[in-house]
């Protein structure tokens, strides 16, 4: 199944590019959310003191 999907992606570079850009977009958002979450926890800890 996976090899079939990869074969289909290889035949369609535009779909491949969409998948890659979509994954990069998700990764970017994930990193931003992680950083914001870290900052939020640090701010909360800072306010407690």
PDB file of N, CA and C in Angstrom:
ATOM      1  N   UNK A   1       0.835  -1.199   0.000  1.00  0.00           N
ATOM      2  CA  UNK A   1       0.000   0.000   0.000  1.00  0.00           C
ATOM      3  C   UNK A   1       0.873   1.253   0.000  1.00  0.00           C
ATOM      4  N   UNK A   2       1.855   1.286   0.892  1.00  0.00           N
ATOM      5  CA  UNK A   2       2.722   2.464   0.977  1.00  0.00           C
ATOM      6  C   UNK A   2       3.532   2.624  -0.303  1.00  0.00           C
ATOM      7  N   UNK A   3       4.052   1.504  -0.831  1.00  0.00           N
ATOM      8  CA  UNK A   3       4.832   1.578  -2.073  1.00  0.00           C
ATOM      9  C   UNK A   3       3.944   2.077  -3.211  1.00  0.00           C
ATOM     10  N   UNK A   4       2.677   1.700  -3.206  1.00  0.00           N
ATOM     11  CA  UNK A   4       1.751   2.180  -4.225  1.00  0.00           C
ATOM     12  C   UNK A   4       1.550   3.684  -4.108  1.00  0.00           C
ATOM     13  N   UNK A   5       1.412   4.172  -2.893  1.00  0.00           N
ATOM     14  CA  UNK A   5       1.264   5.609  -2.685  1.00  0.00           C
ATOM     15  C   UNK A   5       2.504   6.347  -3.148  1.00  0.00           C
ATOM     16  N   UNK A   6       3.686   5.808  -2.800  1.00  0.00           N
ATOM     17  CA  UNK A   6       4.935   6.447  -3.210  1.00  0.00           C
ATOM     18  C   UNK A   6       5.048   6.461  -4.724  1.00  0.00           C
ATOM     19  N   UNK A   7       4.637   5.357  -5.382  1.00  0.00           N
ATOM     20  CA  UNK A   7       4.671   5.302  -6.840  1.00  0.00           C
ATOM     21  C   UNK A   7       3.753   6.363  -7.432  1.00  0.00           C
ATOM     22  N   UNK A   8       2.569   6.525  -6.849  1.00  0.00           N
ATOM     23  CA  UNK A   8       1.632   7.535  -7.324  1.00  0.00           C
ATOM     24  C   UNK A   8       2.196   8.938  -7.148  1.00  0.00           C
ATOM     25  N   UNK A   9       2.883   9.169  -6.025  1.00  0.00           N
ATOM     26  CA  UNK A   9       3.473  10.478  -5.784  1.00  0.00           C
ATOM     27  C   UNK A   9       4.590  10.752  -6.769  1.00  0.00           C
ATOM     28  N   UNK A  10       5.395   9.725  -7.078  1.00  0.00           N
ATOM     29  CA  UNK A  10       6.506   9.892  -8.015  1.00  0.00           C
ATOM     30  C   UNK A  10       5.972  10.275  -9.394  1.00  0.00           C
ATOM     31  N   UNK A  11       4.788   9.729  -9.754  1.00  0.00           N
ATOM     32  CA  UNK A  11       4.206  10.037 -11.060  1.00  0.00           C
ATOM     33  C   UNK A  11       3.610  11.445 -11.085  1.00  0.00           C
ATOM     34  N   UNK A  12       3.267  11.975  -9.930  1.00  0.00           N
ATOM     35  CA  UNK A  12       2.619  13.291  -9.875  1.00  0.00           C
ATOM     36  C   UNK A  12       3.444  14.254  -9.024  1.00  0.00           C
ATOM     37  N   UNK A  13       4.406  14.948  -9.635  1.00  0.00           N
ATOM     38  CA  UNK A  13       5.274  15.849  -8.873  1.00  0.00           C
ATOM     39  C   UNK A  13       4.510  16.986  -8.200  1.00  0.00           C
ATOM     40  N   UNK A  14       3.418  17.436  -8.817  1.00  0.00           N
ATOM     41  CA  UNK A  14       2.668  18.539  -8.214  1.00  0.00           C
ATOM     42  C   UNK A  14       2.043  18.091  -6.891  1.00  0.00           C
ATOM     43  N   UNK A  15       1.501  16.870  -6.879  1.00  0.00           N
ATOM     44  CA  UNK A  15       0.920  16.337  -5.644  1.00  0.00           C
ATOM     45  C   UNK A  15       2.019  16.150  -4.607  1.00  0.00           C
ATOM     46  N   UNK A  16       3.179  15.680  -5.069  1.00  0.00           N
ATOM     47  CA  UNK A  16       4.315  15.478  -4.175  1.00  0.00           C
ATOM     48  C   UNK A  16       4.712  16.809  -3.542  1.00  0.00           C
ATOM     49  N   UNK A  17       4.769  17.851  -4.357  1.00  0.00           N
ATOM     50  CA  UNK A  17       5.145  19.169  -3.845  1.00  0.00           C
ATOM     51  C   UNK A  17       4.111  19.667  -2.838  1.00  0.00           C
ATOM     52  N   UNK A  18       2.832  19.413  -3.133  1.00  0.00           N
ATOM     53  CA  UNK A  18       1.773  19.819  -2.204  1.00  0.00           C
ATOM     54  C   UNK A  18       1.925  19.098  -0.873  1.00  0.00           C
ATOM     55  N   UNK A  19       2.212  17.799  -0.933  1.00  0.00           N
ATOM     56  CA  UNK A  19       2.383  17.012   0.290  1.00  0.00           C
ATOM     57  C   UNK A  19       3.546  17.553   1.111  1.00  0.00           C
ATOM     58  N   UNK A  20       4.677  17.784   0.437  1.00  0.00           N
ATOM     59  CA  UNK A  20       5.875  18.258   1.137  1.00  0.00           C
ATOM     60  C   UNK A  20       5.628  19.635   1.742  1.00  0.00           C
ATOM     61  N   UNK A  21       5.047  20.549   0.962  1.00  0.00           N
ATOM     62  CA  UNK A  21       4.793  21.891   1.488  1.00  0.00           C
ATOM     63  C   UNK A  21       3.791  21.828   2.639  1.00  0.00           C
ATOM     64  N   UNK A  22       2.813  20.932   2.521  1.00  0.00           N
ATOM     65  CA  UNK A  22       1.838  20.773   3.601  1.00  0.00           C
ATOM     66  C   UNK A  22       2.500  20.265   4.867  1.00  0.00           C
ATOM     67  N   UNK A  23       3.394  19.278   4.714  1.00  0.00           N
ATOM     68  CA  UNK A  23       4.105  18.737   5.876  1.00  0.00           C
ATOM     69  C   UNK A  23       4.980  19.809   6.503  1.00  0.00           C
ATOM     70  N   UNK A  24       5.672  20.590   5.662  1.00  0.00           N
ATOM     71  CA  UNK A  24       6.536  21.653   6.183  1.00  0.00           C
ATOM     72  C   UNK A  24       5.691  22.683   6.930  1.00  0.00           C
ATOM     73  N   UNK A  25       4.516  23.019   6.370  1.00  0.00           N
ATOM     74  CA  UNK A  25       3.615  23.975   7.006  1.00  0.00           C
ATOM     75  C   UNK A  25       3.179  23.473   8.379  1.00  0.00           C
ATOM     76  N   UNK A  26       2.805  22.186   8.446  1.00  0.00           N
ATOM     77  CA  UNK A  26       2.387  21.584   9.720  1.00  0.00           C
ATOM     78  C   UNK A  26       3.544  21.588  10.715  1.00  0.00           C
ATOM     79  N   UNK A  27       4.753  21.239  10.222  1.00  0.00           N
ATOM     80  CA  UNK A  27       5.922  21.215  11.109  1.00  0.00           C
ATOM     81  C   UNK A  27       6.197  22.608  11.647  1.00  0.00           C
ATOM     82  N   UNK A  28       6.133  23.623  10.767  1.00  0.00           N
ATOM     83  CA  UNK A  28       6.369  25.000  11.201  1.00  0.00           C
ATOM     84  C   UNK A  28       5.372  25.387  12.294  1.00  0.00           C
ATOM     85  N   UNK A  29       4.084  25.117  12.040  1.00  0.00           N
ATOM     86  CA  UNK A  29       3.057  25.454  13.027  1.00  0.00           C
ATOM     87  C   UNK A  29       3.289  24.703  14.330  1.00  0.00           C
ATOM     88  N   UNK A  30       3.706  23.438  14.237  1.00  0.00           N
ATOM     89  CA  UNK A  30       3.955  22.632  15.428  1.00  0.00           C
ATOM     90  C   UNK A  30       5.073  23.259  16.255  1.00  0.00           C
ATOM     91  N   UNK A  31       6.146  23.683  15.574  1.00  0.00           N
ATOM     92  CA  UNK A  31       7.278  24.302  16.279  1.00  0.00           C
ATOM     93  C   UNK A  31       6.832  25.607  16.933  1.00  0.00           C
ATOM     94  N   UNK A  32       6.066  26.414  16.199  1.00  0.00           N
ATOM     95  CA  UNK A  32       5.585  27.692  16.751  1.00  0.00           C
ATOM     96  C   UNK A  32       4.728  27.443  17.986  1.00  0.00           C
ATOM     97  N   UNK A  33       3.809  26.469  17.896  1.00  0.00           N
ATOM     98  CA  UNK A  33       2.946  26.160  19.040  1.00  0.00           C
ATOM     99  C   UNK A  33       3.770  25.670  20.221  1.00  0.00           C
ATOM    100  N   UNK A  34       4.794  24.849  19.949  1.00  0.00           N
ATOM    101  CA  UNK A  34       5.649  24.351  21.026  1.00  0.00           C
ATOM    102  C   UNK A  34       6.367  25.509  21.705  1.00  0.00           C
ATOM    103  N   UNK A  35       6.918  26.428  20.899  1.00  0.00           N
ATOM    104  CA  UNK A  35       7.644  27.577  21.454  1.00  0.00           C
ATOM    105  C   UNK A  35       6.697  28.447  22.270  1.00  0.00           C
ATOM    106  N   UNK A  36       5.500  28.701  21.729  1.00  0.00           N
ATOM    107  CA  UNK A  36       4.527  29.513  22.460  1.00  0.00           C
ATOM    108  C   UNK A  36       4.142  28.834  23.770  1.00  0.00           C
ATOM    109  N   UNK A  37       3.966  27.523  23.735  1.00  0.00           N
ATOM    110  CA  UNK A  37       3.630  26.778  24.948  1.00  0.00           C
ATOM    111  C   UNK A  37       4.737  26.898  25.980  1.00  0.00           C
ATOM    112  N   UNK A  38       5.988  26.777  25.516  1.00  0.00           N
ATOM    113  CA  UNK A  38       7.130  26.905  26.425  1.00  0.00           C
ATOM    114  C   UNK A  38       7.147  28.298  27.045  1.00  0.00           C
ATOM    115  N   UNK A  39       6.968  29.330  26.220  1.00  0.00           N
ATOM    116  CA  UNK A  39       6.977  30.703  26.723  1.00  0.00           C
ATOM    117  C   UNK A  39       5.863  30.895  27.744  1.00  0.00           C
ATOM    118  N   UNK A  40       4.683  30.351  27.452  1.00  0.00           N
ATOM    119  CA  UNK A  40       3.543  30.492  28.355  1.00  0.00           C
ATOM    120  C   UNK A  40       3.868  29.879  29.712  1.00  0.00           C
ATOM    121  N   UNK A  41       4.445  28.683  29.718  1.00  0.00           N
ATOM    122  CA  UNK A  41       4.757  28.035  30.991  1.00  0.00           C
ATOM    123  C   UNK A  41       5.814  28.836  31.738  1.00  0.00           C
ATOM    124  N   UNK A  42       6.802  29.372  31.006  1.00  0.00           N
ATOM    125  CA  UNK A  42       7.843  30.165  31.664  1.00  0.00           C
ATOM    126  C   UNK A  42       7.245  31.436  32.277  1.00  0.00           C
ATOM    127  N   UNK A  43       6.338  32.070  31.538  1.00  0.00           N
ATOM    128  CA  UNK A  43       5.701  33.295  32.039  1.00  0.00           C
ATOM    129  C   UNK A  43       4.889  32.979  33.287  1.00  0.00           C
ATOM    130  N   UNK A  44       4.152  31.869  33.276  1.00  0.00           N
ATOM    131  CA  UNK A  44       3.345  31.488  34.436  1.00  0.00           C
ATOM    132  C   UNK A  44       4.239  31.234  35.646  1.00  0.00           C
ATOM    133  N   UNK A  45       5.360  30.548  35.424  1.00  0.00           N
ATOM    134  CA  UNK A  45       6.289  30.278  36.526  1.00  0.00           C
ATOM    135  C   UNK A  45       6.864  31.587  37.036  1.00  0.00           C
ATOM    136  N   UNK A  46       7.181  32.491  36.102  1.00  0.00           N
ATOM    137  CA  UNK A  46       7.766  33.780  36.479  1.00  0.00           C
ATOM    138  C   UNK A  46       6.776  34.598  37.309  1.00  0.00           C
ATOM    139  N   UNK A  47       5.499  34.573  36.934  1.00  0.00           N
ATOM    140  CA  UNK A  47       4.482  35.343  37.663  1.00  0.00           C
ATOM    141  C   UNK A  47       4.273  34.786  39.072  1.00  0.00           C
ATOM    142  N   UNK A  48       4.438  33.477  39.243  1.00  0.00           N
ATOM    143  CA  UNK A  48       4.218  32.870  40.564  1.00  0.00           C
ATOM    144  C   UNK A  48       5.200  33.397  41.603  1.00  0.00           C
ATOM    145  N   UNK A  49       6.451  33.576  41.184  1.00  0.00           N
ATOM    146  CA  UNK A  49       7.483  33.976  42.156  1.00  0.00           C
ATOM    147  C   UNK A  49       7.229  35.363  42.717  1.00  0.00           C
TER     148      UNK A  49
END
